[in-house]
Amino acid sequence: MPFSSLALTEYLDAFARVETIHASIDIDHDNADTGRELAMPALALWATHGVSDTCFDALDLWRQRAEKVEGKALDASHYMAEEIPDQIAAHMFAFFARHPIYTKAAGLFRS
């Protein structure tokens, strides 16, 4: 199992709720945007051992939805957050350092 039994319990609890399943399916919402793209910088991270890297050009797909996308495939499976949390956090911290508007908006900006 790629993650702890506590994480598995959290997943099972969350996905037992209909509203969680509904919130996880966003393609209809994306399509309803009728070609509008996100204007803010976006970070896309995906797993090398998963469908995204095997079947798609993930960065190209994200560039259809956002103007300024950066990202890369990471050596993990579908459960990236549980498998490589430190690597994901490092990519996120680096992204936010390059785009401080996010930390300012969240009240996290330090001068």
Protein backbone atom coordinates (compact mmCIF):
# COMPACT_ATOMS: atom_id res chain seq x y z
CA MET A 1 0.00 0.00 0.00
CA PRO A 2 1.52 3.36 -0.99
CA PHE A 3 0.23 5.17 2.09
CA SER A 4 -0.65 4.70 5.72
CA SER A 5 -3.80 3.07 7.03
CA LEU A 6 -4.80 6.44 8.51
CA ALA A 7 -4.65 8.03 5.04
CA LEU A 8 -6.66 5.13 3.62
CA THR A 9 -9.32 5.67 6.29
CA GLU A 10 -9.49 9.38 5.38
CA TYR A 11 -9.90 8.54 1.68
CA LEU A 12 -12.63 5.99 2.39
CA ASP A 13 -14.49 8.39 4.68
CA ALA A 14 -14.29 11.23 2.15
CA PHE A 15 -15.37 9.14 -0.82
CA ALA A 16 -18.31 7.69 1.07
CA ARG A 17 -19.91 11.16 0.79
CA VAL A 18 -21.74 11.99 -2.45
CA GLU A 19 -20.63 15.63 -2.33
CA THR A 20 -16.98 14.53 -2.35
CA ILE A 21 -17.46 12.41 -5.46
CA HIS A 22 -19.36 15.23 -7.16
CA ALA A 23 -16.60 17.73 -6.34
CA SER A 24 -13.91 15.45 -7.76
CA ILE A 25 -15.47 15.42 -11.24
CA ASP A 26 -14.73 18.80 -12.76
CA ILE A 27 -14.62 18.18 -16.52
CA ASP A 28 -18.21 19.42 -16.92
CA HIS A 29 -17.27 22.63 -15.11
CA ASP A 30 -14.19 23.01 -17.31
CA ASN A 31 -16.22 22.51 -20.47
CA ALA A 32 -18.82 25.03 -19.29
CA ASP A 33 -16.10 27.68 -19.25
CA THR A 34 -16.27 27.62 -23.08
CA GLY A 35 -12.63 28.24 -23.83
CA ARG A 36 -11.82 30.67 -21.02
CA GLU A 37 -8.37 30.10 -19.59
CA LEU A 38 -7.00 30.75 -16.14
CA ALA A 39 -5.00 33.98 -16.27
CA MET A 40 -2.87 33.36 -13.19
CA PRO A 41 0.25 31.18 -13.18
CA ALA A 42 -0.51 27.52 -12.52
CA LEU A 43 1.63 24.60 -11.39
CA ALA A 44 0.83 21.11 -12.71
CA LEU A 45 2.49 18.07 -11.16
CA TRP A 46 1.65 14.54 -12.22
CA ALA A 47 2.93 11.01 -11.67
CA THR A 48 5.26 9.20 -14.07
CA HIS A 49 3.64 5.89 -13.05
CA GLY A 50 0.10 6.86 -13.85
CA VAL A 51 -2.39 7.48 -16.61
CA SER A 52 -1.50 11.16 -17.08
CA ASP A 53 2.10 10.51 -18.06
CA THR A 54 1.37 7.30 -19.94
CA CYS A 55 -1.61 8.37 -22.06
CA PHE A 56 -1.44 12.17 -22.31
CA ASP A 57 0.81 15.16 -22.71
CA ALA A 58 -0.22 16.55 -19.32
CA LEU A 59 1.45 19.93 -19.74
CA ASP A 60 -0.22 20.41 -23.12
CA LEU A 61 -3.62 19.55 -21.62
CA TRP A 62 -3.13 22.10 -18.84
CA ARG A 63 -2.04 24.72 -21.36
CA GLN A 64 -5.49 24.35 -22.95
CA ARG A 65 -6.98 25.53 -19.64
CA ALA A 66 -4.45 28.10 -18.40
CA GLU A 67 -2.29 30.80 -19.98
CA LYS A 68 0.81 30.36 -17.81
CA VAL A 69 1.45 26.75 -16.87
CA GLU A 70 4.62 25.13 -15.66
CA GLY A 71 5.09 21.65 -14.34
CA LYS A 72 6.61 18.24 -14.64
CA ALA A 73 6.12 14.55 -14.06
CA LEU A 74 7.39 13.24 -10.73
CA ASP A 75 8.55 9.71 -9.94
CA ALA A 76 5.43 8.48 -8.17
CA SER A 77 2.10 6.74 -8.71
CA HIS A 78 -1.42 8.12 -8.48
CA TYR A 79 -0.94 8.68 -4.73
CA MET A 80 1.78 11.31 -5.08
CA ALA A 81 0.86 13.27 -1.98
CA GLU A 82 1.36 10.22 0.20
CA GLU A 83 4.42 8.88 -1.61
CA ILE A 84 6.55 12.00 -2.09
CA PRO A 85 5.13 14.82 0.04
CA ASP A 86 8.50 16.52 0.53
CA GLN A 87 9.15 16.70 -3.23
CA ILE A 88 5.69 18.08 -3.88
CA ALA A 89 6.10 20.65 -1.13
CA ALA A 90 9.49 21.69 -2.55
CA HIS A 91 7.95 22.24 -6.01
CA MET A 92 5.10 24.22 -4.46
CA PHE A 93 7.39 26.41 -2.35
CA ALA A 94 9.57 27.14 -5.41
CA PHE A 95 6.47 27.97 -7.48
CA PHE A 96 5.10 30.33 -4.83
CA ALA A 97 8.52 31.98 -4.48
CA ARG A 98 8.45 32.74 -8.22
CA HIS A 99 4.85 33.98 -8.00
CA PRO A 100 4.55 35.90 -4.69
CA ILE A 101 1.12 37.27 -5.59
CA TYR A 102 -0.31 34.00 -4.27
CA THR A 103 1.28 34.39 -0.86
CA LYS A 104 0.25 38.05 -0.71
CA ALA A 105 -3.37 37.15 -1.47
CA ALA A 106 -3.33 34.49 1.24
CA GLY A 107 -1.78 36.88 3.76
CA LEU A 108 1.42 34.83 3.82
CA PHE A 109 3.72 37.36 2.17
CA ARG A 110 6.78 38.25 4.19
CA SER A 111 8.78 41.33 3.27
